[in-house]
Amino acid sequence: MKVARHEKIIELIRQYEIDTQEELAARLNEAGFRVTQATVSRDIRALKMTKVAGSNGKSRYAILEEHTPDLLSDKYARVLKDAVVSMNIGQNIVVVKTIPGMAMAAAAALDAMKWPEILGCIAGDDTIMCVVKTSEQAPGVVQKLSGILSGRK
């Protein structure tokens, strides 16, 4: 029953711009699934659903895996564009300077983008130490990041 309900939820959120748990519960009940708001809430967590901007400007539910990499990348790109001031390379380390207080957010964005050449980032208040696998890949990371900052991705 749960698997069938989850399949129906996925079908419904793809078909309609559902923006509340109550609306989702109502549509499930119309489809023959007897659910409460609490059940829908658990299903939303189990399916890793989140809210995204809908075409009408209101938020709507979407499956997290449904987020296209572009949608998530756009959010990360905005953080990086707002935060990054400069970049320098030292061997296999890219040092990224940010406006004060933004290094953690920018480092989290870089980590979340899961670039294979980046091993990880450590952030202070206004500086990120981004460790790249090899010193040969470091200029490529700077170039890629520069592309994001200039809007080229």
C-alpha atoms as a PDB file:
ATOM      1  CA  MET A   1       0.000   0.000   0.000  1.00  0.00           C
ATOM      2  CA  LYS A   2       2.814   2.402   0.942  1.00  0.00           C
ATOM      3  CA  VAL A   3       4.692   1.773  -2.325  1.00  0.00           C
ATOM      4  CA  ALA A   4       1.537   2.345  -4.365  1.00  0.00           C
ATOM      5  CA  ARG A   5       0.800   5.530  -2.382  1.00  0.00           C
ATOM      6  CA  HIS A   6       4.347   6.796  -2.946  1.00  0.00           C
ATOM      7  CA  GLU A   7       4.024   6.102  -6.677  1.00  0.00           C
ATOM      8  CA  LYS A   8       0.735   8.029  -6.714  1.00  0.00           C
ATOM      9  CA  ILE A   9       2.322  10.950  -4.832  1.00  0.00           C
ATOM     10  CA  ILE A  10       5.117  11.127  -7.405  1.00  0.00           C
ATOM     11  CA  GLU A  11       2.554  11.022 -10.206  1.00  0.00           C
ATOM     12  CA  LEU A  12       0.448  13.756  -8.581  1.00  0.00           C
ATOM     13  CA  ILE A  13       3.311  16.180  -7.925  1.00  0.00           C
ATOM     14  CA  ARG A  14       4.470  15.764 -11.505  1.00  0.00           C
ATOM     15  CA  GLN A  15       0.966  16.364 -12.821  1.00  0.00           C
ATOM     16  CA  TYR A  16      -0.116  19.229 -10.535  1.00  0.00           C
ATOM     17  CA  GLU A  17       1.633  22.103  -8.803  1.00  0.00           C
ATOM     18  CA  ILE A  18       0.773  20.962  -5.282  1.00  0.00           C
ATOM     19  CA  ASP A  19       1.873  23.436  -2.640  1.00  0.00           C
ATOM     20  CA  THR A  20       0.396  22.117   0.643  1.00  0.00           C
ATOM     21  CA  GLN A  21       0.202  18.834   2.480  1.00  0.00           C
ATOM     22  CA  GLU A  22      -3.552  19.296   2.713  1.00  0.00           C
ATOM     23  CA  GLU A  23      -3.871  19.576  -1.075  1.00  0.00           C
ATOM     24  CA  LEU A  24      -1.738  16.466  -1.536  1.00  0.00           C
ATOM     25  CA  ALA A  25      -3.850  14.563   1.027  1.00  0.00           C
ATOM     26  CA  ALA A  26      -7.057  15.648  -0.738  1.00  0.00           C
ATOM     27  CA  ARG A  27      -5.764  14.484  -4.135  1.00  0.00           C
ATOM     28  CA  LEU A  28      -4.656  11.162  -2.637  1.00  0.00           C
ATOM     29  CA  ASN A  29      -8.081  10.697  -1.027  1.00  0.00           C
ATOM     30  CA  GLU A  30      -9.729  11.460  -4.405  1.00  0.00           C
ATOM     31  CA  ALA A  31      -7.508   8.770  -5.927  1.00  0.00           C
ATOM     32  CA  GLY A  32      -8.743   6.207  -3.392  1.00  0.00           C
ATOM     33  CA  PHE A  33      -5.950   6.392  -0.816  1.00  0.00           C
ATOM     34  CA  ARG A  34      -7.286   7.074   2.676  1.00  0.00           C
ATOM     35  CA  VAL A  35      -4.609   9.287   4.229  1.00  0.00           C
ATOM     36  CA  THR A  36      -4.277  11.903   6.923  1.00  0.00           C
ATOM     37  CA  GLN A  37      -2.052  14.954   6.902  1.00  0.00           C
ATOM     38  CA  ALA A  38       0.313  13.114   9.289  1.00  0.00           C
ATOM     39  CA  THR A  39       0.679  10.261   6.789  1.00  0.00           C
ATOM     40  CA  VAL A  40       1.373  12.733   4.003  1.00  0.00           C
ATOM     41  CA  SER A  41       3.976  14.456   6.177  1.00  0.00           C
ATOM     42  CA  ARG A  42       5.794  11.133   6.730  1.00  0.00           C
ATOM     43  CA  ASP A  43       5.568  10.350   3.006  1.00  0.00           C
ATOM     44  CA  ILE A  44       7.063  13.749   2.144  1.00  0.00           C
ATOM     45  CA  ARG A  45      10.046  12.995   4.381  1.00  0.00           C
ATOM     46  CA  ALA A  46      10.401   9.427   3.075  1.00  0.00           C
ATOM     47  CA  LEU A  47      10.344  10.603  -0.553  1.00  0.00           C
ATOM     48  CA  LYS A  48      12.796  13.438   0.221  1.00  0.00           C
ATOM     49  CA  MET A  49      10.406  16.010  -1.179  1.00  0.00           C
ATOM     50  CA  THR A  50      11.106  19.699  -0.984  1.00  0.00           C
ATOM     51  CA  LYS A  51       9.447  22.881  -2.151  1.00  0.00           C
ATOM     52  CA  VAL A  52      10.621  24.628  -5.301  1.00  0.00           C
ATOM     53  CA  ALA A  53       9.355  27.643  -7.222  1.00  0.00           C
ATOM     54  CA  GLY A  54       6.394  26.788  -9.418  1.00  0.00           C
ATOM     55  CA  SER A  55       5.520  28.312 -12.771  1.00  0.00           C
ATOM     56  CA  ASN A  56       2.854  30.493 -11.164  1.00  0.00           C
ATOM     57  CA  GLY A  57       5.309  32.000  -8.689  1.00  0.00           C
ATOM     58  CA  LYS A  58       4.011  29.942  -5.765  1.00  0.00           C
ATOM     59  CA  SER A  59       6.055  27.138  -4.254  1.00  0.00           C
ATOM     60  CA  ARG A  60       5.262  23.526  -5.064  1.00  0.00           C
ATOM     61  CA  TYR A  61       6.429  20.112  -3.935  1.00  0.00           C
ATOM     62  CA  ALA A  62       9.091  18.250  -5.889  1.00  0.00           C
ATOM     63  CA  ILE A  63      11.158  15.144  -5.281  1.00  0.00           C
ATOM     64  CA  LEU A  64      14.672  16.183  -4.255  1.00  0.00           C
ATOM     65  CA  GLU A  65      16.209  13.839  -6.838  1.00  0.00           C
ATOM     66  CA  GLU A  66      14.001  15.561  -9.422  1.00  0.00           C
ATOM     67  CA  HIS A  67      15.913  18.775  -8.897  1.00  0.00           C
ATOM     68  CA  THR A  68      17.890  19.084 -12.017  1.00  0.00           C
ATOM     69  CA  PRO A  69      21.543  19.688 -11.332  1.00  0.00           C
ATOM     70  CA  ASP A  70      20.990  23.044 -13.058  1.00  0.00           C
ATOM     71  CA  LEU A  71      18.349  24.080 -10.509  1.00  0.00           C
ATOM     72  CA  LEU A  72      20.633  23.301  -7.583  1.00  0.00           C
ATOM     73  CA  SER A  73      23.667  24.700  -9.378  1.00  0.00           C
ATOM     74  CA  ASP A  74      21.814  27.980  -9.896  1.00  0.00           C
ATOM     75  CA  LYS A  75      21.319  28.294  -6.143  1.00  0.00           C
ATOM     76  CA  TYR A  76      24.979  27.535  -5.491  1.00  0.00           C
ATOM     77  CA  ALA A  77      26.052  29.903  -8.257  1.00  0.00           C
ATOM     78  CA  ARG A  78      24.072  32.725  -6.622  1.00  0.00           C
ATOM     79  CA  VAL A  79      25.821  32.093  -3.303  1.00  0.00           C
ATOM     80  CA  LEU A  80      29.220  32.042  -4.996  1.00  0.00           C
ATOM     81  CA  LYS A  81      28.499  35.187  -7.045  1.00  0.00           C
ATOM     82  CA  ASP A  82      27.418  37.022  -3.889  1.00  0.00           C
ATOM     83  CA  ALA A  83      30.373  35.846  -1.820  1.00  0.00           C
ATOM     84  CA  VAL A  84      33.577  35.412  -3.836  1.00  0.00           C
ATOM     85  CA  VAL A  85      36.005  38.320  -4.074  1.00  0.00           C
ATOM     86  CA  SER A  86      39.167  36.680  -5.448  1.00  0.00           C
ATOM     87  CA  MET A  87      41.000  33.381  -6.011  1.00  0.00           C
ATOM     88  CA  ASN A  88      44.643  32.289  -5.957  1.00  0.00           C
ATOM     89  CA  ILE A  89      46.401  28.975  -6.521  1.00  0.00           C
ATOM     90  CA  GLY A  90      49.144  27.441  -4.385  1.00  0.00           C
ATOM     91  CA  GLN A  91      50.116  23.992  -5.654  1.00  0.00           C
ATOM     92  CA  ASN A  92      46.936  21.884  -5.330  1.00  0.00           C
ATOM     93  CA  ILE A  93      45.164  24.406  -3.089  1.00  0.00           C
ATOM     94  CA  VAL A  94      42.821  27.088  -4.360  1.00  0.00           C
ATOM     95  CA  VAL A  95      42.432  29.908  -1.858  1.00  0.00           C
ATOM     96  CA  VAL A  96      39.133  31.706  -2.295  1.00  0.00           C
ATOM     97  CA  LYS A  97      38.609  35.069  -0.599  1.00  0.00           C
ATOM     98  CA  THR A  98      35.011  36.073   0.168  1.00  0.00           C
ATOM     99  CA  ILE A  99      33.254  38.999   1.704  1.00  0.00           C
ATOM    100  CA  PRO A 100      33.370  38.714   5.532  1.00  0.00           C
ATOM    101  CA  GLY A 101      31.037  36.099   6.939  1.00  0.00           C
ATOM    102  CA  MET A 102      30.376  34.326   3.621  1.00  0.00           C
ATOM    103  CA  ALA A 103      33.197  31.779   3.427  1.00  0.00           C
ATOM    104  CA  MET A 104      31.200  28.990   5.098  1.00  0.00           C
ATOM    105  CA  ALA A 105      28.261  29.379   2.706  1.00  0.00           C
ATOM    106  CA  ALA A 106      30.518  29.535  -0.344  1.00  0.00           C
ATOM    107  CA  ALA A 107      32.512  26.484   0.808  1.00  0.00           C
ATOM    108  CA  ALA A 108      29.288  24.572   1.388  1.00  0.00           C
ATOM    109  CA  ALA A 109      28.150  25.504  -2.125  1.00  0.00           C
ATOM    110  CA  LEU A 110      31.448  24.306  -3.604  1.00  0.00           C
ATOM    111  CA  ASP A 111      31.236  21.033  -1.663  1.00  0.00           C
ATOM    112  CA  ALA A 112      27.600  20.507  -2.661  1.00  0.00           C
ATOM    113  CA  MET A 113      28.435  20.910  -6.342  1.00  0.00           C
ATOM    114  CA  LYS A 114      30.506  17.715  -5.996  1.00  0.00           C
ATOM    115  CA  TRP A 115      33.197  18.587  -8.501  1.00  0.00           C
ATOM    116  CA  PRO A 116      35.316  15.436  -8.827  1.00  0.00           C
ATOM    117  CA  GLU A 117      38.561  17.417  -8.815  1.00  0.00           C
ATOM    118  CA  ILE A 118      37.827  18.997  -5.409  1.00  0.00           C
ATOM    119  CA  LEU A 119      38.631  16.852  -2.375  1.00  0.00           C
ATOM    120  CA  GLY A 120      37.065  19.292   0.073  1.00  0.00           C
ATOM    121  CA  CYS A 121      36.923  22.814   1.407  1.00  0.00           C
ATOM    122  CA  ILE A 122      37.701  24.372   4.776  1.00  0.00           C
ATOM    123  CA  ALA A 123      36.293  27.809   5.538  1.00  0.00           C
ATOM    124  CA  GLY A 124      37.003  30.571   7.989  1.00  0.00           C
ATOM    125  CA  ASP A 125      35.223  33.908   8.075  1.00  0.00           C
ATOM    126  CA  ASP A 126      36.363  35.274   4.718  1.00  0.00           C
ATOM    127  CA  THR A 127      38.743  32.635   3.341  1.00  0.00           C
ATOM    128  CA  ILE A 128      38.254  29.157   1.882  1.00  0.00           C
ATOM    129  CA  MET A 129      41.010  26.600   1.461  1.00  0.00           C
ATOM    130  CA  CYS A 130      39.845  24.361  -1.359  1.00  0.00           C
ATOM    131  CA  VAL A 131      41.980  21.231  -1.750  1.00  0.00           C
ATOM    132  CA  VAL A 132      42.190  19.990  -5.327  1.00  0.00           C
ATOM    133  CA  LYS A 133      43.321  16.423  -6.182  1.00  0.00           C
ATOM    134  CA  THR A 134      46.338  17.530  -8.185  1.00  0.00           C
ATOM    135  CA  SER A 135      48.195  20.767  -8.820  1.00  0.00           C
ATOM    136  CA  GLU A 136      47.473  20.281 -12.535  1.00  0.00           C
ATOM    137  CA  GLN A 137      43.715  20.445 -11.854  1.00  0.00           C
ATOM    138  CA  ALA A 138      43.841  23.615  -9.730  1.00  0.00           C
ATOM    139  CA  PRO A 139      43.834  26.067 -12.684  1.00  0.00           C
ATOM    140  CA  GLY A 140      40.812  24.229 -14.104  1.00  0.00           C
ATOM    141  CA  VAL A 141      38.951  24.674 -10.809  1.00  0.00           C
ATOM    142  CA  VAL A 142      39.702  28.403 -10.855  1.00  0.00           C
ATOM    143  CA  GLN A 143      38.577  28.603 -14.491  1.00  0.00           C
ATOM    144  CA  LYS A 144      35.365  26.693 -13.744  1.00  0.00           C
ATOM    145  CA  LEU A 145      34.634  28.892 -10.727  1.00  0.00           C
ATOM    146  CA  SER A 146      35.418  32.028 -12.753  1.00  0.00           C
ATOM    147  CA  GLY A 147      32.902  30.837 -15.342  1.00  0.00           C
ATOM    148  CA  ILE A 148      30.220  30.550 -12.663  1.00  0.00           C
ATOM    149  CA  LEU A 149      31.065  33.979 -11.287  1.00  0.00           C
ATOM    150  CA  SER A 150      30.787  35.533 -14.732  1.00  0.00           C
ATOM    151  CA  GLY A 151      27.542  33.667 -15.489  1.00  0.00           C
ATOM    152  CA  ARG A 152      28.992  31.224 -18.031  1.00  0.00           C
ATOM    153  CA  LYS A 153      28.745  28.100 -15.790  1.00  0.00           C
END
